[in-house]
Amino acid sequence: MQDIFEELRDMRYLNWTKTRKSSGTAGSFLKAYDDTGIVRRYYKLSDYVTGRGIDGHECINEIIVQRLMRVLDIDHLEYRLLHATVVVDDAEYETWLCESDDFKNQGESKIALEDFFAAQRLAGETPLDMCIRMGWESTIYNMLILDYLILNRDRHGANIEVLRSKKNRNYRLAPLFDHGLCLMCQSRSEAEFKSFDVMDDKRVQAFIGTNSTKDNLSLIPKDYIREFVSSHEITEELRKMLCNKISDIMPLVFCEKTWEMISGRWKYLESI
């Protein structure tokens, strides 16, 4: 499935607005949408810093992570990486941005999991308890495994959404989305990529569990992890697929360290 489009597109017509950023780092994530076509399209940029411009590579991370999710059979929002010219704060930039479609079905509305939990929780329930009661445990367990593999820093309560059908009033979890703050998201230079410790248990923000993606694996039954690992393979073919065309955009060391992180953390899963 093609997910990188290299031809330069003129997207200076998009209007960008700031969105929630909870990683504690400087900068802003900018989002836009276009509803002039048959379906509404959503767009987002990598980290934007006033005075420096588009400074991050979160949109690149999104493509790598969605390729991994395809292999791991994890339901997710599909992004397309577009090479585009945009205007932010009256300045023009040639950059890479993510495009996606609406993941809601017709007649569905959405709510952040943190708000759903506040309205629906039973006495003494944790967010994980409620998700298990709702029958969503497999999705949550897959999410926790993924977040460990990619060191996702930002799984706050609005980065998980619940979809409600107006017709039958059923609830379902939305496909997983927004994985830009992962991998080496705060590194910029080749030297920073090279020195990054891919097994470091960095502090993260997580609505479900603790601030450690490694510790959050303990929330998953061991039999589930073993079955998950035995059902999937991390192979050399995956390595080639994850960084296909990414190495034309990012330094080679970025691709090498990305694979080192995913394969190294997968080996830890195998040891559980």
Protein backbone atom coordinates (compact mmCIF):
# COMPACT_ATOMS: atom_id res chain seq x y z
CA MET A 1 0.00 0.00 0.00
CA GLN A 2 1.48 3.33 -1.05
CA ASP A 3 1.83 5.72 1.87
CA ILE A 4 4.53 8.17 0.70
CA PHE A 5 3.84 10.59 -2.15
CA GLU A 6 7.00 12.38 -3.28
CA GLU A 7 5.62 14.76 -5.90
CA LEU A 8 5.62 18.30 -4.48
CA ARG A 9 2.08 19.58 -3.94
CA ASP A 10 0.93 23.16 -3.50
CA MET A 11 -1.00 23.14 -0.21
CA ARG A 12 -0.57 26.77 0.70
CA TYR A 13 -4.36 27.09 0.89
CA LEU A 14 -4.56 25.15 4.16
CA ASN A 15 -5.16 27.10 7.38
CA TRP A 16 -3.18 25.72 10.30
CA THR A 17 -4.27 25.87 13.93
CA LYS A 18 -2.41 24.87 17.08
CA THR A 19 -3.48 21.72 18.89
CA ARG A 20 -2.87 20.19 22.30
CA LYS A 21 0.74 19.30 22.97
CA SER A 22 1.55 17.50 26.17
CA SER A 23 5.11 16.30 25.78
CA GLY A 24 6.62 19.18 27.73
CA THR A 25 8.85 20.28 24.83
CA ALA A 26 8.85 23.61 23.05
CA GLY A 27 6.89 24.07 19.85
CA SER A 28 3.43 23.37 18.51
CA PHE A 29 1.67 20.71 16.47
CA LEU A 30 -0.39 22.30 13.73
CA LYS A 31 -3.47 20.74 12.15
CA ALA A 32 -5.75 21.62 9.25
CA TYR A 33 -8.60 20.14 7.26
CA ASP A 34 -10.05 20.39 3.78
CA ASP A 35 -13.76 19.72 3.24
CA THR A 36 -14.02 20.96 -0.34
CA GLY A 37 -14.09 17.39 -1.69
CA ILE A 38 -16.49 14.49 -1.26
CA VAL A 39 -14.92 13.56 2.08
CA ARG A 40 -13.19 15.72 4.63
CA ARG A 41 -9.42 15.28 4.71
CA TYR A 42 -7.31 15.99 7.78
CA TYR A 43 -3.71 17.21 7.78
CA LYS A 44 -1.00 17.62 10.39
CA LEU A 45 2.56 18.90 10.45
CA SER A 46 5.57 17.83 12.44
CA ASP A 47 6.69 20.00 15.35
CA TYR A 48 6.64 23.71 14.49
CA VAL A 49 8.83 26.13 16.43
CA THR A 50 8.38 29.88 15.97
CA GLY A 51 11.55 31.32 14.46
CA ARG A 52 12.86 27.91 13.36
CA GLY A 53 9.95 26.62 11.33
CA ILE A 54 8.91 22.98 10.99
CA ASP A 55 11.51 21.42 13.22
CA GLY A 56 10.42 17.83 13.91
CA HIS A 57 9.91 14.51 12.14
CA GLU A 58 6.75 13.28 13.82
CA CYS A 59 5.00 12.81 10.46
CA ILE A 60 7.79 10.45 9.40
CA ASN A 61 7.29 8.52 12.63
CA GLU A 62 3.60 8.10 11.85
CA ILE A 63 4.35 6.27 8.61
CA ILE A 64 6.89 3.94 10.22
CA VAL A 65 4.49 3.10 13.05
CA GLN A 66 1.54 2.44 10.77
CA ARG A 67 3.69 0.06 8.72
CA LEU A 68 4.50 -1.77 11.93
CA MET A 69 0.83 -1.87 12.92
CA ARG A 70 -0.10 -3.40 9.57
CA VAL A 71 2.31 -6.27 10.20
CA LEU A 72 1.12 -6.68 13.80
CA ASP A 73 -2.56 -6.64 12.75
CA ILE A 74 -3.38 -3.65 14.96
CA ASP A 75 -6.37 -1.55 13.91
CA HIS A 76 -5.20 1.98 13.13
CA LEU A 77 -5.86 5.18 11.24
CA GLU A 78 -4.07 5.21 7.88
CA TYR A 79 -1.88 8.22 7.11
CA ARG A 80 -0.42 9.33 3.80
CA LEU A 81 2.87 11.24 3.84
CA LEU A 82 2.73 14.12 1.36
CA HIS A 83 5.56 16.30 0.07
CA ALA A 84 4.03 19.76 0.09
CA THR A 85 4.47 23.51 0.16
CA VAL A 86 2.60 25.13 3.07
CA VAL A 87 2.32 28.56 4.64
CA VAL A 88 2.54 29.00 8.41
CA ASP A 89 2.63 32.44 10.05
CA ASP A 90 3.03 34.07 6.62
CA ALA A 91 6.19 32.04 5.90
CA GLU A 92 6.40 29.39 3.17
CA TYR A 93 7.87 25.94 3.83
CA GLU A 94 8.60 22.88 1.74
CA THR A 95 7.94 19.98 4.07
CA TRP A 96 6.35 16.57 4.64
CA LEU A 97 2.90 16.37 6.19
CA CYS A 98 0.38 13.67 7.07
CA GLU A 99 -3.01 13.34 5.43
CA SER A 100 -5.82 11.13 6.72
CA ASP A 101 -9.53 10.52 6.29
CA ASP A 102 -12.22 10.54 8.97
CA PHE A 103 -12.29 7.20 10.82
CA LYS A 104 -15.91 7.64 11.95
CA ASN A 105 -18.61 5.71 10.15
CA GLN A 106 -21.74 7.54 9.05
CA GLY A 107 -23.91 8.25 12.08
CA GLU A 108 -21.08 7.94 14.61
CA SER A 109 -19.91 10.57 17.05
CA LYS A 110 -16.65 10.54 19.03
CA ILE A 111 -15.55 11.30 22.56
CA ALA A 112 -12.15 11.21 24.23
CA LEU A 113 -11.63 8.12 26.38
CA GLU A 114 -10.85 10.31 29.39
CA ASP A 115 -14.26 12.00 29.08
CA PHE A 116 -16.03 8.68 28.44
CA PHE A 117 -14.35 7.25 31.53
CA ALA A 118 -15.41 10.22 33.66
CA ALA A 119 -19.03 9.69 32.59
CA GLN A 120 -19.21 5.87 32.58
CA ARG A 121 -16.86 4.61 35.29
CA LEU A 122 -18.12 2.47 38.13
CA ALA A 123 -16.99 3.01 41.69
CA GLY A 124 -13.37 1.97 42.16
CA GLU A 125 -12.75 1.33 38.45
CA THR A 126 -9.51 2.25 36.72
CA PRO A 127 -9.51 3.16 33.01
CA LEU A 128 -8.22 -0.35 32.24
CA ASP A 129 -10.96 -1.95 34.36
CA MET A 130 -13.61 -0.02 32.45
CA CYS A 131 -12.11 -0.97 29.06
CA ILE A 132 -12.16 -4.64 30.05
CA ARG A 133 -15.78 -4.31 31.19
CA MET A 134 -16.62 -2.79 27.79
CA GLY A 135 -14.97 -5.72 26.00
CA TRP A 136 -12.08 -3.65 24.64
CA GLU A 137 -9.22 -5.50 26.35
CA SER A 138 -7.62 -6.87 23.16
CA THR A 139 -7.40 -3.39 21.64
CA ILE A 140 -5.92 -1.99 24.84
CA TYR A 141 -3.42 -4.84 25.23
CA ASN A 142 -2.30 -4.38 21.61
CA MET A 143 -1.94 -0.66 22.24
CA LEU A 144 0.24 -1.21 25.31
CA ILE A 145 2.46 -3.65 23.38
CA LEU A 146 2.79 -1.19 20.50
CA ASP A 147 3.53 1.73 22.81
CA TYR A 148 6.35 -0.25 24.38
CA LEU A 149 7.84 -1.20 21.00
CA ILE A 150 7.88 2.40 19.74
CA LEU A 151 8.34 4.15 23.11
CA ASN A 152 5.20 6.22 22.64
CA ARG A 153 5.49 9.27 24.89
CA ASP A 154 1.99 10.62 24.52
CA ARG A 155 -0.96 8.26 24.98
CA HIS A 156 -2.98 10.76 26.98
CA GLY A 157 -6.71 10.40 27.47
CA ALA A 158 -7.63 12.35 24.34
CA ASN A 159 -5.30 10.27 22.16
CA ILE A 160 -7.68 7.33 22.57
CA GLU A 161 -11.23 7.88 21.37
CA VAL A 162 -14.58 6.14 21.74
CA LEU A 163 -17.04 6.08 18.84
CA ARG A 164 -20.80 5.94 19.46
CA SER A 165 -23.36 4.83 16.89
CA LYS A 166 -26.46 7.03 17.00
CA LYS A 167 -28.51 4.25 15.38
CA ASN A 168 -27.95 1.43 17.87
CA ARG A 169 -26.13 3.35 20.61
CA ASN A 170 -23.24 0.90 20.59
CA TYR A 171 -19.73 2.00 21.55
CA ARG A 172 -16.41 0.96 20.01
CA LEU A 173 -12.84 2.14 20.36
CA ALA A 174 -11.55 4.18 17.46
CA PRO A 175 -8.58 2.88 15.45
CA LEU A 176 -5.30 3.89 17.06
CA PHE A 177 -3.94 7.25 15.90
CA ASP A 178 -1.39 9.98 16.71
CA HIS A 179 1.94 8.16 17.19
CA GLY A 180 4.27 10.99 16.20
CA LEU A 181 5.76 11.39 19.68
CA CYS A 182 7.61 8.10 19.63
CA LEU A 183 10.93 6.57 18.56
CA MET A 184 13.53 9.38 18.64
CA CYS A 185 11.00 12.19 18.44
CA GLN A 186 13.06 14.67 20.46
CA SER A 187 16.29 14.04 18.56
CA ARG A 188 17.16 16.23 15.59
CA SER A 189 20.78 15.68 14.56
CA GLU A 190 22.59 12.57 13.36
CA ALA A 191 24.70 12.71 16.52
CA GLU A 192 21.56 12.68 18.67
CA PHE A 193 20.13 9.75 16.74
CA LYS A 194 23.38 7.83 17.08
CA SER A 195 23.66 8.36 20.84
CA PHE A 196 20.02 7.54 21.58
CA ASP A 197 19.57 4.59 23.96
CA VAL A 198 16.75 2.63 22.31
CA MET A 199 16.10 0.48 25.39
CA ASP A 200 15.94 3.39 27.84
CA ASP A 201 12.70 3.34 29.83
CA LYS A 202 11.85 7.02 29.40
CA ARG A 203 9.01 8.67 31.30
CA VAL A 204 5.86 8.83 29.18
CA GLN A 205 2.32 10.11 29.52
CA ALA A 206 -0.28 7.32 29.51
CA PHE A 207 -3.95 7.51 30.46
CA ILE A 208 -4.02 3.74 30.98
CA GLY A 209 -1.30 2.45 33.29
CA THR A 210 1.81 4.22 34.51
CA ASN A 211 4.40 6.57 33.05
CA SER A 212 6.52 3.59 31.94
CA THR A 213 5.70 1.68 28.76
CA LYS A 214 7.79 -1.21 30.09
CA ASP A 215 5.93 -1.38 33.40
CA ASN A 216 2.63 -1.19 31.53
CA LEU A 217 3.36 -4.56 29.95
CA SER A 218 2.62 -6.04 33.38
CA LEU A 219 -1.02 -5.02 32.89
CA ILE A 220 -1.28 -7.57 30.08
CA PRO A 221 -1.75 -11.29 30.86
CA LYS A 222 1.51 -13.07 30.03
CA ASP A 223 -0.35 -15.65 27.96
CA TYR A 224 -1.68 -12.80 25.79
CA ILE A 225 1.83 -11.45 25.19
CA ARG A 226 3.18 -14.92 24.39
CA GLU A 227 0.36 -15.55 21.91
CA PHE A 228 0.90 -12.13 20.33
CA VAL A 229 4.63 -12.73 19.90
CA SER A 230 4.17 -16.24 18.54
CA SER A 231 1.64 -14.95 15.98
CA HIS A 232 3.96 -12.37 14.44
CA GLU A 233 7.51 -12.17 13.16
CA ILE A 234 10.06 -9.37 13.22
CA THR A 235 12.20 -10.19 10.19
CA GLU A 236 14.70 -8.62 7.82
CA GLU A 237 11.84 -8.09 5.36
CA LEU A 238 10.09 -5.96 7.97
CA ARG A 239 13.26 -3.93 8.42
CA LYS A 240 13.32 -3.15 4.69
CA MET A 241 9.63 -2.35 4.63
CA LEU A 242 9.66 -0.04 7.64
CA CYS A 243 12.25 2.29 6.14
CA ASN A 244 11.29 1.98 2.47
CA LYS A 245 11.70 5.52 1.05
CA ILE A 246 12.16 6.88 4.59
CA SER A 247 15.92 6.76 4.02
CA ASP A 248 15.39 9.25 1.15
CA ILE A 249 13.95 11.72 3.66
CA MET A 250 15.80 11.02 6.91
CA PRO A 251 19.47 10.19 7.67
CA LEU A 252 20.42 6.53 7.41
CA VAL A 253 21.30 6.43 11.12
CA PHE A 254 17.67 7.32 11.91
CA CYS A 255 16.49 4.20 10.09
CA GLU A 256 19.18 2.06 11.72
CA LYS A 257 18.27 3.22 15.24
CA THR A 258 14.56 2.80 14.54
CA TRP A 259 15.13 -0.83 13.67
CA GLU A 260 17.44 -1.28 16.64
CA MET A 261 14.65 -0.02 18.91
CA ILE A 262 11.84 -2.13 17.48
CA SER A 263 13.87 -5.33 17.16
CA GLY A 264 15.52 -4.90 20.57
CA ARG A 265 12.22 -4.30 22.32
CA TRP A 266 10.64 -7.21 20.46
CA LYS A 267 13.35 -9.48 21.90
CA TYR A 268 12.35 -8.29 25.36
CA LEU A 269 8.73 -9.23 24.62
CA GLU A 270 9.93 -12.69 23.57
CA SER A 271 11.63 -13.08 26.94
CA ILE A 272 8.43 -12.53 28.93
